[in-house]
C-alpha atoms as a PDB file:
ATOM      1  CA  MET A   1       8.279  18.938 -10.420  1.00  0.00           C
ATOM      2  CA  ALA A   2       5.279  21.258 -10.452  1.00  0.00           C
ATOM      3  CA  MET A   3       1.881  19.854  -9.513  1.00  0.00           C
ATOM      4  CA  VAL A   4       0.116  21.880 -12.190  1.00  0.00           C
ATOM      5  CA  ASP A   5       1.433  23.349 -15.415  1.00  0.00           C
ATOM      6  CA  LEU A   6       0.444  26.310 -17.558  1.00  0.00           C
ATOM      7  CA  ASP A   7      -1.328  24.031 -20.047  1.00  0.00           C
ATOM      8  CA  PHE A   8      -3.645  22.628 -17.329  1.00  0.00           C
ATOM      9  CA  TYR A   9      -4.260  26.125 -15.938  1.00  0.00           C
ATOM     10  CA  LYS A  10      -5.220  27.572 -19.326  1.00  0.00           C
ATOM     11  CA  ASN A  11      -6.904  24.644 -21.107  1.00  0.00           C
ATOM     12  CA  GLU A  12      -8.547  22.550 -18.382  1.00  0.00           C
ATOM     13  CA  TYR A  13      -9.145  25.002 -15.536  1.00  0.00           C
ATOM     14  CA  PHE A  14      -9.687  27.969 -17.907  1.00  0.00           C
ATOM     15  CA  GLY A  15      -7.936  30.334 -15.503  1.00  0.00           C
ATOM     16  CA  GLU A  16      -7.613  34.082 -15.755  1.00  0.00           C
ATOM     17  CA  GLU A  17      -5.108  35.576 -18.153  1.00  0.00           C
ATOM     18  CA  ILE A  18      -1.667  35.844 -16.574  1.00  0.00           C
ATOM     19  CA  PRO A  19      -0.141  39.312 -16.988  1.00  0.00           C
ATOM     20  CA  ALA A  20       3.241  39.358 -18.720  1.00  0.00           C
ATOM     21  CA  THR A  21       4.795  40.942 -15.626  1.00  0.00           C
ATOM     22  CA  ILE A  22       3.920  37.953 -13.432  1.00  0.00           C
ATOM     23  CA  GLY A  23       5.669  34.622 -13.990  1.00  0.00           C
ATOM     24  CA  PHE A  24       3.485  31.499 -13.880  1.00  0.00           C
ATOM     25  CA  ASP A  25       6.240  29.342 -12.370  1.00  0.00           C
ATOM     26  CA  ARG A  26       6.597  31.658  -9.377  1.00  0.00           C
ATOM     27  CA  LEU A  27       2.824  31.786  -8.863  1.00  0.00           C
ATOM     28  CA  GLU A  28       2.584  28.000  -9.093  1.00  0.00           C
ATOM     29  CA  MET A  29       5.397  27.488  -6.590  1.00  0.00           C
ATOM     30  CA  ARG A  30       3.809  29.877  -4.060  1.00  0.00           C
ATOM     31  CA  ALA A  31       0.396  28.265  -4.611  1.00  0.00           C
ATOM     32  CA  GLU A  32       1.930  24.831  -3.937  1.00  0.00           C
ATOM     33  CA  GLU A  33       3.327  26.139  -0.653  1.00  0.00           C
ATOM     34  CA  MET A  34      -0.110  27.452   0.348  1.00  0.00           C
ATOM     35  CA  ILE A  35      -1.930  24.234  -0.654  1.00  0.00           C
ATOM     36  CA  ASN A  36       0.653  22.169   1.230  1.00  0.00           C
ATOM     37  CA  GLU A  37      -0.007  24.316   4.294  1.00  0.00           C
ATOM     38  CA  TYR A  38      -3.784  23.838   3.935  1.00  0.00           C
ATOM     39  CA  ALA A  39      -3.203  20.074   3.593  1.00  0.00           C
ATOM     40  CA  ASN A  40      -1.256  19.957   6.854  1.00  0.00           C
ATOM     41  CA  TYR A  41       2.036  19.421   4.971  1.00  0.00           C
ATOM     42  CA  PHE A  42       0.951  16.180   3.278  1.00  0.00           C
ATOM     43  CA  PHE A  43       3.047  17.070   0.229  1.00  0.00           C
ATOM     44  CA  ASP A  44       6.262  17.273   2.237  1.00  0.00           C
ATOM     45  CA  THR A  45       6.366  13.475   2.165  1.00  0.00           C
ATOM     46  CA  HIS A  46       4.010  12.615  -0.721  1.00  0.00           C
ATOM     47  CA  THR A  47       3.381  13.607  -4.303  1.00  0.00           C
ATOM     48  CA  ILE A  48       0.045  14.555  -5.796  1.00  0.00           C
ATOM     49  CA  TYR A  49      -0.076  11.109  -7.410  1.00  0.00           C
ATOM     50  CA  ASP A  50       0.032   9.400  -3.997  1.00  0.00           C
ATOM     51  CA  LEU A  51      -3.575  10.485  -3.512  1.00  0.00           C
ATOM     52  CA  PRO A  52      -5.922   7.475  -3.665  1.00  0.00           C
ATOM     53  CA  LEU A  53      -8.493   8.777  -6.165  1.00  0.00           C
ATOM     54  CA  PRO A  54      -8.120  10.474  -9.564  1.00  0.00           C
ATOM     55  CA  ALA A  55     -10.821  12.922  -8.421  1.00  0.00           C
ATOM     56  CA  ASP A  56      -8.581  13.920  -5.497  1.00  0.00           C
ATOM     57  CA  VAL A  57      -5.678  14.616  -7.865  1.00  0.00           C
ATOM     58  CA  LEU A  58      -7.973  16.759 -10.039  1.00  0.00           C
ATOM     59  CA  ASN A  59      -9.333  18.650  -7.025  1.00  0.00           C
ATOM     60  CA  VAL A  60      -5.826  19.439  -5.757  1.00  0.00           C
ATOM     61  CA  LYS A  61      -4.874  20.722  -9.208  1.00  0.00           C
ATOM     62  CA  LYS A  62      -8.005  22.897  -9.276  1.00  0.00           C
ATOM     63  CA  ALA A  63      -7.199  24.167  -5.770  1.00  0.00           C
ATOM     64  CA  LEU A  64      -3.750  25.182  -6.992  1.00  0.00           C
ATOM     65  CA  CYS A  65      -5.281  27.020  -9.937  1.00  0.00           C
ATOM     66  CA  ALA A  66      -7.752  28.818  -7.664  1.00  0.00           C
ATOM     67  CA  GLN A  67      -4.884  29.925  -5.417  1.00  0.00           C
ATOM     68  CA  ILE A  68      -2.942  31.116  -8.480  1.00  0.00           C
ATOM     69  CA  GLU A  69      -5.959  33.174  -9.560  1.00  0.00           C
ATOM     70  CA  LEU A  70      -6.058  34.835  -6.144  1.00  0.00           C
ATOM     71  CA  PHE A  71      -2.418  35.827  -6.587  1.00  0.00           C
ATOM     72  CA  ILE A  72      -3.165  37.202 -10.066  1.00  0.00           C
ATOM     73  CA  ASP A  73      -6.142  39.213  -8.758  1.00  0.00           C
ATOM     74  CA  ALA A  74      -3.865  40.666  -6.081  1.00  0.00           C
ATOM     75  CA  GLY A  75      -1.312  41.723  -8.689  1.00  0.00           C
ATOM     76  CA  GLY A  76       1.238  39.021  -7.905  1.00  0.00           C
ATOM     77  CA  VAL A  77       2.822  37.418  -4.879  1.00  0.00           C
ATOM     78  CA  GLU A  78       4.842  40.537  -3.970  1.00  0.00           C
ATOM     79  CA  GLU A  79       1.835  42.878  -4.186  1.00  0.00           C
ATOM     80  CA  LEU A  80      -0.154  40.569  -1.925  1.00  0.00           C
ATOM     81  CA  ALA A  81       2.629  40.593   0.661  1.00  0.00           C
ATOM     82  CA  ASN A  82       2.934  44.399   0.422  1.00  0.00           C
ATOM     83  CA  ALA A  83      -0.822  44.840   0.813  1.00  0.00           C
ATOM     84  CA  LYS A  84      -0.881  42.561   3.841  1.00  0.00           C
ATOM     85  CA  GLN A  85       1.924  44.578   5.411  1.00  0.00           C
ATOM     86  CA  ALA A  86       0.356  47.921   4.489  1.00  0.00           C
ATOM     87  CA  ALA A  87      -3.026  46.867   5.847  1.00  0.00           C
ATOM     88  CA  GLY A  88      -1.575  46.804   9.372  1.00  0.00           C
ATOM     89  CA  GLU A  89       0.128  50.206   9.144  1.00  0.00           C
ATOM     90  CA  VAL A  90      -1.261  53.488  10.460  1.00  0.00           C
ATOM     91  CA  SER A  91      -1.488  56.089   7.721  1.00  0.00           C
ATOM     92  CA  HIS A  92      -3.122  59.044   9.512  1.00  0.00           C
ATOM     93  CA  VAL A  93      -3.126  60.089  13.172  1.00  0.00           C
ATOM     94  CA  THR A  94      -4.394  63.271  14.805  1.00  0.00           C
ATOM     95  CA  VAL A  95      -3.881  64.067  18.494  1.00  0.00           C
ATOM     96  CA  GLY A  96      -4.951  67.574  19.460  1.00  0.00           C
ATOM     97  CA  LYS A  97      -3.078  69.965  17.153  1.00  0.00           C
ATOM     98  CA  PHE A  98      -0.575  67.300  16.124  1.00  0.00           C
ATOM     99  CA  SER A  99      -1.304  65.500  12.864  1.00  0.00           C
ATOM    100  CA  TYR A 100       0.678  62.781  11.090  1.00  0.00           C
ATOM    101  CA  ASP A 101       0.030  61.656   7.527  1.00  0.00           C
ATOM    102  CA  LYS A 102       1.862  58.865   5.768  1.00  0.00           C
ATOM    103  CA  THR A 103       1.311  58.603   2.057  1.00  0.00           C
ATOM    104  CA  SER A 104       2.057  55.163   0.725  1.00  0.00           C
ATOM    105  CA  ALA A 105       3.428  54.348  -2.700  1.00  0.00           C
ATOM    106  CA  VAL A 106       1.750  50.951  -2.465  1.00  0.00           C
ATOM    107  CA  SER A 107      -1.698  50.823  -4.006  1.00  0.00           C
ATOM    108  CA  LEU A 108      -3.811  48.154  -2.389  1.00  0.00           C
ATOM    109  CA  PRO A 109      -4.956  45.421  -4.762  1.00  0.00           C
ATOM    110  CA  ARG A 110      -8.545  44.210  -4.953  1.00  0.00           C
ATOM    111  CA  SER A 111      -7.974  41.544  -2.339  1.00  0.00           C
ATOM    112  CA  THR A 112      -5.671  41.463   0.668  1.00  0.00           C
ATOM    113  CA  ALA A 113      -6.639  37.929   1.667  1.00  0.00           C
ATOM    114  CA  GLN A 114      -4.018  35.274   0.985  1.00  0.00           C
ATOM    115  CA  ARG A 115      -6.281  32.254   1.317  1.00  0.00           C
ATOM    116  CA  SER A 116      -8.491  31.367  -1.606  1.00  0.00           C
ATOM    117  CA  ASP A 117     -11.930  30.195  -0.479  1.00  0.00           C
ATOM    118  CA  SER A 118     -12.272  28.355  -3.790  1.00  0.00           C
ATOM    119  CA  ALA A 119      -9.026  26.473  -3.141  1.00  0.00           C
ATOM    120  CA  ILE A 120     -10.313  25.408   0.277  1.00  0.00           C
ATOM    121  CA  ASN A 121     -13.596  24.253  -1.272  1.00  0.00           C
ATOM    122  CA  TYR A 122     -11.751  22.159  -3.876  1.00  0.00           C
ATOM    123  CA  LEU A 123      -9.734  20.504  -1.094  1.00  0.00           C
ATOM    124  CA  ARG A 124     -12.731  19.637   1.133  1.00  0.00           C
ATOM    125  CA  PRO A 125     -13.674  16.319  -0.574  1.00  0.00           C
ATOM    126  CA  THR A 126     -10.054  15.111  -0.615  1.00  0.00           C
ATOM    127  CA  GLY A 127      -9.761  14.813   3.176  1.00  0.00           C
ATOM    128  CA  LEU A 128      -6.472  16.746   3.122  1.00  0.00           C
ATOM    129  CA  LEU A 129      -7.873  19.572   5.235  1.00  0.00           C
ATOM    130  CA  TYR A 130      -8.645  17.193   8.052  1.00  0.00           C
ATOM    131  CA  ARG A 131      -5.403  15.195   8.267  1.00  0.00           C
ATOM    132  CA  GLY A 132      -4.347  14.655  11.847  1.00  0.00           C
ATOM    133  CA  VAL A 133      -7.835  15.299  13.250  1.00  0.00           C
ATOM    134  CA  HIS A 134      -9.082  12.247  15.142  1.00  0.00           C
END
């Protein structure tokens, strides 16, 4: 079961418009994976409703929405992965008279970062970022 639904994203978080070419369910699933990673895999053994405070539940939902927005800004989950891969590739090299140019069909989206700073900020008061730190 998804931690956040389209209704919450649109009507409570007031998130960006989701392009028709990008499916919300896929974005939400990938965002859950990222938030679970940020929370040191708390959600592998717990649900969002195991959190002690209603404010924590709300902050996790907002963190998910912020991560979804990052994916939308990047053009989708696939575009973000392509941009990350393309960012590490060499596209032009010149050594003496030798020159190599690689033209890429991938256009880089606005952001190549996968981690949403807003998502991290929403998670700070929940204590999930600091699990396992003594």
